[in-house]
Full PDB file with SEQRES, HELIX, SHEET, SSBOND, CRYST1, ORIGX, SCALE, CONECT and MASTER records, all heavy atoms in Angstrom:
SEQRES   1 A   32  LEU LEU ASN ILE VAL ARG ASN ALA TRP GLN ALA THR GLY          
SEQRES   2 A   32  ALA ARG GLY GLU ILE THR LEU ARG THR ARG VAL ARG ARG          
SEQRES   3 A   32  GLN TYR THR LEU GLY GLY                                      
HELIX    1 AA1 LEU A    2  THR A   12  1                                  11    
CRYST1    1.000    1.000    1.000  90.00  90.00  90.00 P 1           1          
ORIGX1      1.000000  0.000000  0.000000        0.00000                         
ORIGX2      0.000000  1.000000  0.000000        0.00000                         
ORIGX3      0.000000  0.000000  1.000000        0.00000                         
SCALE1      1.000000  0.000000  0.000000        0.00000                         
SCALE2      0.000000  1.000000  0.000000        0.00000                         
SCALE3      0.000000  0.000000  1.000000        0.00000                         
ATOM      1  N   LEU A   1     227.404  -7.223 -80.529  1.00  0.00           N  
ATOM      2  CA  LEU A   1     226.587  -7.322 -79.342  1.00  0.00           C  
ATOM      3  C   LEU A   1     226.384  -8.767 -78.910  1.00  0.00           C  
ATOM      4  O   LEU A   1     226.394  -9.073 -77.711  1.00  0.00           O  
ATOM      5  CB  LEU A   1     225.251  -6.628 -79.550  1.00  0.00           C  
ATOM      6  CG  LEU A   1     225.303  -5.112 -79.658  1.00  0.00           C  
ATOM      7  CD1 LEU A   1     223.998  -4.541 -80.179  1.00  0.00           C  
ATOM      8  CD2 LEU A   1     225.660  -4.505 -78.318  1.00  0.00           C  
ATOM      9  N   LEU A   2     226.226  -9.656 -79.878  1.00  0.00           N  
ATOM     10  CA  LEU A   2     226.064 -11.072 -79.549  1.00  0.00           C  
ATOM     11  C   LEU A   2     227.327 -11.616 -78.876  1.00  0.00           C  
ATOM     12  O   LEU A   2     227.244 -12.409 -77.938  1.00  0.00           O  
ATOM     13  CB  LEU A   2     225.730 -11.862 -80.802  1.00  0.00           C  
ATOM     14  CG  LEU A   2     225.421 -13.363 -80.603  1.00  0.00           C  
ATOM     15  CD1 LEU A   2     224.241 -13.547 -79.661  1.00  0.00           C  
ATOM     16  CD2 LEU A   2     225.157 -14.028 -81.939  1.00  0.00           C  
ATOM     17  N   ASN A   3     228.498 -11.199 -79.355  1.00  0.00           N  
ATOM     18  CA  ASN A   3     229.753 -11.642 -78.728  1.00  0.00           C  
ATOM     19  C   ASN A   3     229.807 -11.223 -77.281  1.00  0.00           C  
ATOM     20  O   ASN A   3     230.242 -11.981 -76.393  1.00  0.00           O  
ATOM     21  CB  ASN A   3     230.950 -11.065 -79.508  1.00  0.00           C  
ATOM     22  CG  ASN A   3     231.203 -11.742 -80.829  1.00  0.00           C  
ATOM     23  OD1 ASN A   3     230.476 -12.656 -81.213  1.00  0.00           O  
ATOM     24  ND2 ASN A   3     232.198 -11.280 -81.546  1.00  0.00           N  
ATOM     25  N   ILE A   4     229.393  -9.970 -76.995  1.00  0.00           N  
ATOM     26  CA  ILE A   4     229.438  -9.475 -75.612  1.00  0.00           C  
ATOM     27  C   ILE A   4     228.413 -10.200 -74.749  1.00  0.00           C  
ATOM     28  O   ILE A   4     228.714 -10.614 -73.627  1.00  0.00           O  
ATOM     29  CB  ILE A   4     229.186  -7.964 -75.579  1.00  0.00           C  
ATOM     30  CG1 ILE A   4     230.242  -7.199 -76.400  1.00  0.00           C  
ATOM     31  CG2 ILE A   4     229.182  -7.448 -74.131  1.00  0.00           C  
ATOM     32  CD1 ILE A   4     229.937  -5.730 -76.557  1.00  0.00           C  
ATOM     33  N   VAL A   5     227.192 -10.350 -75.259  1.00  0.00           N  
ATOM     34  CA  VAL A   5     226.142 -11.002 -74.468  1.00  0.00           C  
ATOM     35  C   VAL A   5     226.492 -12.486 -74.244  1.00  0.00           C  
ATOM     36  O   VAL A   5     226.269 -13.009 -73.160  1.00  0.00           O  
ATOM     37  CB  VAL A   5     224.779 -10.860 -75.176  1.00  0.00           C  
ATOM     38  CG1 VAL A   5     223.719 -11.679 -74.459  1.00  0.00           C  
ATOM     39  CG2 VAL A   5     224.372  -9.405 -75.231  1.00  0.00           C  
ATOM     40  N   ARG A   6     227.037 -13.138 -75.260  1.00  0.00           N  
ATOM     41  CA  ARG A   6     227.437 -14.530 -75.095  1.00  0.00           C  
ATOM     42  C   ARG A   6     228.548 -14.647 -74.048  1.00  0.00           C  
ATOM     43  O   ARG A   6     228.558 -15.566 -73.236  1.00  0.00           O  
ATOM     44  CB  ARG A   6     227.880 -15.125 -76.433  1.00  0.00           C  
ATOM     45  CG  ARG A   6     228.237 -16.596 -76.333  1.00  0.00           C  
ATOM     46  CD  ARG A   6     228.653 -17.165 -77.678  1.00  0.00           C  
ATOM     47  NE  ARG A   6     227.506 -17.342 -78.560  1.00  0.00           N  
ATOM     48  CZ  ARG A   6     227.419 -16.788 -79.771  1.00  0.00           C  
ATOM     49  NH1 ARG A   6     228.386 -15.995 -80.213  1.00  0.00           N  
ATOM     50  NH2 ARG A   6     226.351 -16.998 -80.530  1.00  0.00           N  
ATOM     51  N   ASN A   7     229.452 -13.691 -74.057  1.00  0.00           N  
ATOM     52  CA  ASN A   7     230.538 -13.679 -73.060  1.00  0.00           C  
ATOM     53  C   ASN A   7     229.934 -13.517 -71.647  1.00  0.00           C  
ATOM     54  O   ASN A   7     230.387 -14.179 -70.697  1.00  0.00           O  
ATOM     55  CB  ASN A   7     231.486 -12.524 -73.356  1.00  0.00           C  
ATOM     56  CG  ASN A   7     232.651 -12.452 -72.408  1.00  0.00           C  
ATOM     57  OD1 ASN A   7     233.627 -13.180 -72.542  1.00  0.00           O  
ATOM     58  ND2 ASN A   7     232.584 -11.564 -71.416  1.00  0.00           N  
ATOM     59  N   ALA A   8     228.909 -12.657 -71.521  1.00  0.00           N  
ATOM     60  CA  ALA A   8     228.255 -12.466 -70.218  1.00  0.00           C  
ATOM     61  C   ALA A   8     227.562 -13.749 -69.764  1.00  0.00           C  
ATOM     62  O   ALA A   8     227.618 -14.115 -68.595  1.00  0.00           O  
ATOM     63  CB  ALA A   8     227.265 -11.311 -70.313  1.00  0.00           C  
ATOM     64  N   TRP A   9     226.880 -14.424 -70.694  1.00  0.00           N  
ATOM     65  CA  TRP A   9     226.192 -15.657 -70.370  1.00  0.00           C  
ATOM     66  C   TRP A   9     227.192 -16.734 -69.896  1.00  0.00           C  
ATOM     67  O   TRP A   9     226.987 -17.405 -68.892  1.00  0.00           O  
ATOM     68  CB  TRP A   9     225.401 -16.162 -71.571  1.00  0.00           C  
ATOM     69  CG  TRP A   9     225.022 -17.623 -71.497  1.00  0.00           C  
ATOM     70  CD1 TRP A   9     224.444 -18.255 -70.433  1.00  0.00           C  
ATOM     71  CD2 TRP A   9     225.238 -18.620 -72.497  1.00  0.00           C  
ATOM     72  NE1 TRP A   9     224.269 -19.588 -70.740  1.00  0.00           N  
ATOM     73  CE2 TRP A   9     224.734 -19.829 -71.984  1.00  0.00           C  
ATOM     74  CE3 TRP A   9     225.765 -18.582 -73.787  1.00  0.00           C  
ATOM     75  CZ2 TRP A   9     224.775 -21.006 -72.733  1.00  0.00           C  
ATOM     76  CZ3 TRP A   9     225.787 -19.749 -74.527  1.00  0.00           C  
ATOM     77  CH2 TRP A   9     225.299 -20.968 -73.993  1.00  0.00           C  
ATOM     78  N   GLN A  10     228.294 -16.866 -70.627  1.00  0.00           N  
ATOM     79  CA  GLN A  10     229.291 -17.874 -70.262  1.00  0.00           C  
ATOM     80  C   GLN A  10     229.922 -17.557 -68.905  1.00  0.00           C  
ATOM     81  O   GLN A  10     230.351 -18.460 -68.189  1.00  0.00           O  
ATOM     82  CB  GLN A  10     230.366 -17.954 -71.354  1.00  0.00           C  
ATOM     83  CG  GLN A  10     229.812 -18.528 -72.656  1.00  0.00           C  
ATOM     84  CD  GLN A  10     230.773 -18.352 -73.820  1.00  0.00           C  
ATOM     85  OE1 GLN A  10     231.726 -17.566 -73.761  1.00  0.00           O  
ATOM     86  NE2 GLN A  10     230.511 -19.071 -74.925  1.00  0.00           N  
ATOM     87  N   ALA A  11     229.962 -16.263 -68.554  1.00  0.00           N  
ATOM     88  CA  ALA A  11     230.566 -15.885 -67.270  1.00  0.00           C  
ATOM     89  C   ALA A  11     229.610 -16.155 -66.100  1.00  0.00           C  
ATOM     90  O   ALA A  11     230.050 -16.512 -65.000  1.00  0.00           O  
ATOM     91  CB  ALA A  11     230.941 -14.400 -67.289  1.00  0.00           C  
ATOM     92  N   THR A  12     228.292 -16.011 -66.333  1.00  0.00           N  
ATOM     93  CA  THR A  12     227.349 -16.131 -65.217  1.00  0.00           C  
ATOM     94  C   THR A  12     227.017 -17.582 -64.911  1.00  0.00           C  
ATOM     95  O   THR A  12     226.728 -17.915 -63.753  1.00  0.00           O  
ATOM     96  CB  THR A  12     226.032 -15.386 -65.551  1.00  0.00           C  
ATOM     97  OG1 THR A  12     225.497 -15.882 -66.795  1.00  0.00           O  
ATOM     98  CG2 THR A  12     226.281 -13.894 -65.683  1.00  0.00           C  
ATOM     99  N   GLY A  13     227.021 -18.463 -65.930  1.00  0.00           N  
ATOM    100  CA  GLY A  13     226.677 -19.855 -65.675  1.00  0.00           C  
ATOM    101  C   GLY A  13     225.191 -20.013 -65.436  1.00  0.00           C  
ATOM    102  O   GLY A  13     224.362 -19.217 -65.880  1.00  0.00           O  
ATOM    103  N   ALA A  14     224.821 -21.058 -64.693  1.00  0.00           N  
ATOM    104  CA  ALA A  14     223.419 -21.365 -64.449  1.00  0.00           C  
ATOM    105  C   ALA A  14     222.763 -20.282 -63.601  1.00  0.00           C  
ATOM    106  O   ALA A  14     223.382 -19.726 -62.689  1.00  0.00           O  
ATOM    107  CB  ALA A  14     223.293 -22.722 -63.718  1.00  0.00           C  
ATOM    108  N   ARG A  15     221.506 -19.978 -63.939  1.00  0.00           N  
ATOM    109  CA  ARG A  15     220.687 -18.979 -63.250  1.00  0.00           C  
ATOM    110  C   ARG A  15     221.328 -17.593 -63.250  1.00  0.00           C  
ATOM    111  O   ARG A  15     221.186 -16.808 -62.306  1.00  0.00           O  
ATOM    112  CB  ARG A  15     220.417 -19.426 -61.806  1.00  0.00           C  
ATOM    113  CG  ARG A  15     219.533 -20.684 -61.719  1.00  0.00           C  
ATOM    114  CD  ARG A  15     219.105 -20.945 -60.292  1.00  0.00           C  
ATOM    115  NE  ARG A  15     220.261 -21.210 -59.426  1.00  0.00           N  
ATOM    116  CZ  ARG A  15     220.841 -22.395 -59.305  1.00  0.00           C  
ATOM    117  NH1 ARG A  15     220.380 -23.428 -60.024  1.00  0.00           N  
ATOM    118  NH2 ARG A  15     221.862 -22.572 -58.502  1.00  0.00           N  
ATOM    119  N   GLY A  16     222.033 -17.294 -64.317  1.00  0.00           N  
ATOM    120  CA  GLY A  16     222.616 -15.959 -64.465  1.00  0.00           C  
ATOM    121  C   GLY A  16     221.596 -14.946 -64.921  1.00  0.00           C  
ATOM    122  O   GLY A  16     220.534 -15.306 -65.470  1.00  0.00           O  
ATOM    123  N   GLU A  17     221.884 -13.678 -64.684  1.00  0.00           N  
ATOM    124  CA  GLU A  17     220.989 -12.596 -65.098  1.00  0.00           C  
ATOM    125  C   GLU A  17     221.769 -11.580 -65.914  1.00  0.00           C  
ATOM    126  O   GLU A  17     222.869 -11.181 -65.529  1.00  0.00           O  
ATOM    127  CB  GLU A  17     220.347 -11.909 -63.910  1.00  0.00           C  
ATOM    128  CG  GLU A  17     219.398 -12.824 -63.130  1.00  0.00           C  
ATOM    129  CD  GLU A  17     218.588 -12.066 -62.091  1.00  0.00           C  
ATOM    130  OE1 GLU A  17     218.609 -10.820 -62.119  1.00  0.00           O  
ATOM    131  OE2 GLU A  17     217.950 -12.731 -61.231  1.00  0.00           O  
ATOM    132  N   ILE A  18     221.184 -11.173 -67.042  1.00  0.00           N  
ATOM    133  CA  ILE A  18     221.782 -10.194 -67.910  1.00  0.00           C  
ATOM    134  C   ILE A  18     220.779  -9.071 -68.133  1.00  0.00           C  
ATOM    135  O   ILE A  18     219.576  -9.329 -68.312  1.00  0.00           O  
ATOM    136  CB  ILE A  18     222.196 -10.823 -69.277  1.00  0.00           C  
ATOM    137  CG1 ILE A  18     223.308 -11.838 -69.096  1.00  0.00           C  
ATOM    138  CG2 ILE A  18     222.620  -9.741 -70.265  1.00  0.00           C  
ATOM    139  CD1 ILE A  18     223.675 -12.594 -70.358  1.00  0.00           C  
ATOM    140  N   THR A  19     221.256  -7.832 -68.115  1.00  0.00           N  
ATOM    141  CA  THR A  19     220.401  -6.674 -68.385  1.00  0.00           C  
ATOM    142  C   THR A  19     220.912  -5.942 -69.612  1.00  0.00           C  
ATOM    143  O   THR A  19     222.106  -5.646 -69.695  1.00  0.00           O  
ATOM    144  CB  THR A  19     220.368  -5.735 -67.179  1.00  0.00           C  
ATOM    145  OG1 THR A  19     219.831  -6.400 -66.038  1.00  0.00           O  
ATOM    146  CG2 THR A  19     219.470  -4.503 -67.485  1.00  0.00           C  
ATOM    147  N   LEU A  20     220.018  -5.672 -70.535  1.00  0.00           N  
ATOM    148  CA  LEU A  20     220.342  -4.868 -71.716  1.00  0.00           C  
ATOM    149  C   LEU A  20     219.755  -3.477 -71.488  1.00  0.00           C  
ATOM    150  O   LEU A  20     218.529  -3.321 -71.307  1.00  0.00           O  
ATOM    151  CB  LEU A  20     219.743  -5.485 -72.969  1.00  0.00           C  
ATOM    152  CG  LEU A  20     220.073  -6.959 -73.236  1.00  0.00           C  
ATOM    153  CD1 LEU A  20     219.371  -7.452 -74.503  1.00  0.00           C  
ATOM    154  CD2 LEU A  20     221.573  -7.172 -73.352  1.00  0.00           C  
ATOM    155  N   ARG A  21     220.619  -2.467 -71.490  1.00  0.00           N  
ATOM    156  CA  ARG A  21     220.178  -1.094 -71.162  1.00  0.00           C  
ATOM    157  C   ARG A  21     220.661  -0.123 -72.230  1.00  0.00           C  
ATOM    158  O   ARG A  21     221.788  -0.215 -72.698  1.00  0.00           O  
ATOM    159  CB  ARG A  21     220.727  -0.677 -69.801  1.00  0.00           C  
ATOM    160  CG  ARG A  21     220.384   0.747 -69.397  1.00  0.00           C  
ATOM    161  CD  ARG A  21     221.129   1.129 -68.120  1.00  0.00           C  
ATOM    162  NE  ARG A  21     220.712   0.274 -66.993  1.00  0.00           N  
ATOM    163  CZ  ARG A  21     221.432   0.098 -65.888  1.00  0.00           C  
ATOM    164  NH1 ARG A  21     222.608   0.695 -65.778  1.00  0.00           N  
ATOM    165  NH2 ARG A  21     220.972  -0.640 -64.920  1.00  0.00           N  
ATOM    166  N   THR A  22     219.794   0.816 -72.618  1.00  0.00           N  
ATOM    167  CA  THR A  22     220.195   1.832 -73.593  1.00  0.00           C  
ATOM    168  C   THR A  22     219.924   3.225 -72.995  1.00  0.00           C  
ATOM    169  O   THR A  22     218.957   3.429 -72.265  1.00  0.00           O  
ATOM    170  CB  THR A  22     219.405   1.716 -74.902  1.00  0.00           C  
ATOM    171  OG1 THR A  22     218.001   1.840 -74.656  1.00  0.00           O  
ATOM    172  CG2 THR A  22     219.676   0.348 -75.550  1.00  0.00           C  
ATOM    173  N   ARG A  23     220.826   4.158 -73.321  1.00  0.00           N  
ATOM    174  CA  ARG A  23     220.686   5.532 -72.870  1.00  0.00           C  
ATOM    175  C   ARG A  23     221.305   6.450 -73.922  1.00  0.00           C  
ATOM    176  O   ARG A  23     222.104   6.001 -74.762  1.00  0.00           O  
ATOM    177  CB  ARG A  23     221.398   5.767 -71.534  1.00  0.00           C  
ATOM    178  CG  ARG A  23     220.786   5.023 -70.349  1.00  0.00           C  
ATOM    179  CD  ARG A  23     219.448   5.590 -69.998  1.00  0.00           C  
ATOM    180  NE  ARG A  23     218.900   4.989 -68.774  1.00  0.00           N  
ATOM    181  CZ  ARG A  23     218.131   3.899 -68.750  1.00  0.00           C  
ATOM    182  NH1 ARG A  23     217.808   3.284 -69.872  1.00  0.00           N  
ATOM    183  NH2 ARG A  23     217.659   3.432 -67.601  1.00  0.00           N  
ATOM    184  N   VAL A  24     220.948   7.729 -73.880  1.00  0.00           N  
ATOM    185  CA  VAL A  24     221.574   8.751 -74.707  1.00  0.00           C  
ATOM    186  C   VAL A  24     222.624   9.457 -73.863  1.00  0.00           C  
ATOM    187  O   VAL A  24     222.365   9.806 -72.712  1.00  0.00           O  
ATOM    188  CB  VAL A  24     220.554   9.781 -75.216  1.00  0.00           C  
ATOM    189  CG1 VAL A  24     221.252  10.901 -75.974  1.00  0.00           C  
ATOM    190  CG2 VAL A  24     219.554   9.108 -76.148  1.00  0.00           C  
ATOM    191  N   ARG A  25     223.817   9.648 -74.418  1.00  0.00           N  
ATOM    192  CA  ARG A  25     224.852  10.442 -73.745  1.00  0.00           C  
ATOM    193  C   ARG A  25     225.113  11.670 -74.596  1.00  0.00           C  
ATOM    194  O   ARG A  25     225.178  11.611 -75.813  1.00  0.00           O  
ATOM    195  CB  ARG A  25     226.135   9.627 -73.600  1.00  0.00           C  
ATOM    196  CG  ARG A  25     225.949   8.398 -72.691  1.00  0.00           C  
ATOM    197  CD  ARG A  25     227.258   7.894 -72.167  1.00  0.00           C  
ATOM    198  NE  ARG A  25     227.084   6.682 -71.379  1.00  0.00           N  
ATOM    199  CZ  ARG A  25     228.075   6.079 -70.717  1.00  0.00           C  
ATOM    200  NH1 ARG A  25     229.297   6.578 -70.772  1.00  0.00           N  
ATOM    201  NH2 ARG A  25     227.845   4.996 -70.009  1.00  0.00           N  
ATOM    202  N   ARG A  26     225.264  12.785 -73.918  1.00  0.00           N  
ATOM    203  CA  ARG A  26     225.459  14.068 -74.597  1.00  0.00           C  
ATOM    204  C   ARG A  26     226.894  14.522 -74.428  1.00  0.00           C  
ATOM    205  O   ARG A  26     227.522  14.295 -73.403  1.00  0.00           O  
ATOM    206  CB  ARG A  26     224.501  15.125 -74.022  1.00  0.00           C  
ATOM    207  CG  ARG A  26     223.040  14.722 -74.152  1.00  0.00           C  
ATOM    208  CD  ARG A  26     222.121  15.796 -73.586  1.00  0.00           C  
ATOM    209  NE  ARG A  26     220.739  15.345 -73.552  1.00  0.00           N  
ATOM    210  CZ  ARG A  26     219.892  15.397 -74.570  1.00  0.00           C  
ATOM    211  NH1 ARG A  26     220.322  15.867 -75.738  1.00  0.00           N  
ATOM    212  NH2 ARG A  26     218.657  14.976 -74.459  1.00  0.00           N  
ATOM    213  N   GLN A  27     227.381  15.203 -75.471  1.00  0.00           N  
ATOM    214  CA  GLN A  27     228.737  15.792 -75.457  1.00  0.00           C  
ATOM    215  C   GLN A  27     229.762  14.735 -75.057  1.00  0.00           C  
ATOM    216  O   GLN A  27     230.496  14.902 -74.078  1.00  0.00           O  
ATOM    217  CB  GLN A  27     228.783  17.001 -74.537  1.00  0.00           C  
ATOM    218  CG  GLN A  27     227.766  18.087 -74.834  1.00  0.00           C  
ATOM    219  CD  GLN A  27     227.944  18.701 -76.209  1.00  0.00           C  
ATOM    220  OE1 GLN A  27     228.965  18.552 -76.860  1.00  0.00           O  
ATOM    221  NE2 GLN A  27     226.936  19.419 -76.684  1.00  0.00           N  
ATOM    222  N   TYR A  28     229.801  13.650 -75.790  1.00  0.00           N  
ATOM    223  CA  TYR A  28     230.667  12.519 -75.441  1.00  0.00           C  
ATOM    224  C   TYR A  28     231.885  12.518 -76.358  1.00  0.00           C  
ATOM    225  O   TYR A  28     231.762  12.695 -77.572  1.00  0.00           O  
ATOM    226  CB  TYR A  28     229.903  11.201 -75.575  1.00  0.00           C  
ATOM    227  CG  TYR A  28     230.539  10.075 -74.799  1.00  0.00           C  
ATOM    228  CD1 TYR A  28     230.154   9.805 -73.492  1.00  0.00           C  
ATOM    229  CD2 TYR A  28     231.506   9.267 -75.380  1.00  0.00           C  
ATOM    230  CE1 TYR A  28     230.727   8.780 -72.775  1.00  0.00           C  
ATOM    231  CE2 TYR A  28     232.076   8.235 -74.663  1.00  0.00           C  
ATOM    232  CZ  TYR A  28     231.685   7.992 -73.367  1.00  0.00           C  
ATOM    233  OH  TYR A  28     232.251   6.969 -72.645  1.00  0.00           O  
ATOM    234  N   THR A  29     233.065  12.294 -75.775  1.00  0.00           N  
ATOM    235  CA  THR A  29     234.327  12.290 -76.526  1.00  0.00           C  
ATOM    236  C   THR A  29     234.734  10.886 -76.887  1.00  0.00           C  
ATOM    237  O   THR A  29     234.843  10.024 -76.004  1.00  0.00           O  
ATOM    238  CB  THR A  29     235.431  12.979 -75.726  1.00  0.00           C  
ATOM    239  OG1 THR A  29     235.028  14.323 -75.410  1.00  0.00           O  
ATOM    240  CG2 THR A  29     236.723  13.032 -76.527  1.00  0.00           C  
ATOM    241  N   LEU A  30     234.974  10.641 -78.174  1.00  0.00           N  
ATOM    242  CA  LEU A  30     235.413   9.322 -78.667  1.00  0.00           C  
ATOM    243  C   LEU A  30     236.572   9.543 -79.619  1.00  0.00           C  
ATOM    244  O   LEU A  30     236.446  10.280 -80.596  1.00  0.00           O  
ATOM    245  CB  LEU A  30     234.271   8.606 -79.412  1.00  0.00           C  
ATOM    246  CG  LEU A  30     233.155   8.014 -78.563  1.00  0.00           C  
ATOM    247  CD1 LEU A  30     231.960   7.663 -79.449  1.00  0.00           C  
ATOM    248  CD2 LEU A  30     233.633   6.781 -77.825  1.00  0.00           C  
ATOM    249  N   GLY A  31     237.697   8.931 -79.310  1.00  0.00           N  
ATOM    250  CA  GLY A  31     238.844   9.031 -80.205  1.00  0.00           C  
ATOM    251  C   GLY A  31     239.278  10.454 -80.449  1.00  0.00           C  
ATOM    252  O   GLY A  31     239.709  10.788 -81.555  1.00  0.00           O  
ATOM    253  N   GLY A  32     239.186  11.304 -79.442  1.00  0.00           N  
ATOM    254  CA  GLY A  32     239.597  12.686 -79.582  1.00  0.00           C  
ATOM    255  C   GLY A  32     238.576  13.573 -80.245  1.00  0.00           C  
ATOM    256  O   GLY A  32     238.803  14.769 -80.439  1.00  0.00           O  
TER     257      GLY A  32                                                      
MASTER        0    0    0    1    0    0    0    6  256    1    0    3          
END                                                                             
């Protein structure tokens, strides 16, 4: 997660905004 957030920060530059959001997903398919 830190790698992703750091990547977002480096992409936005000065005065960037990042949102961390969590949700539950039901009946989700992963890797078959």
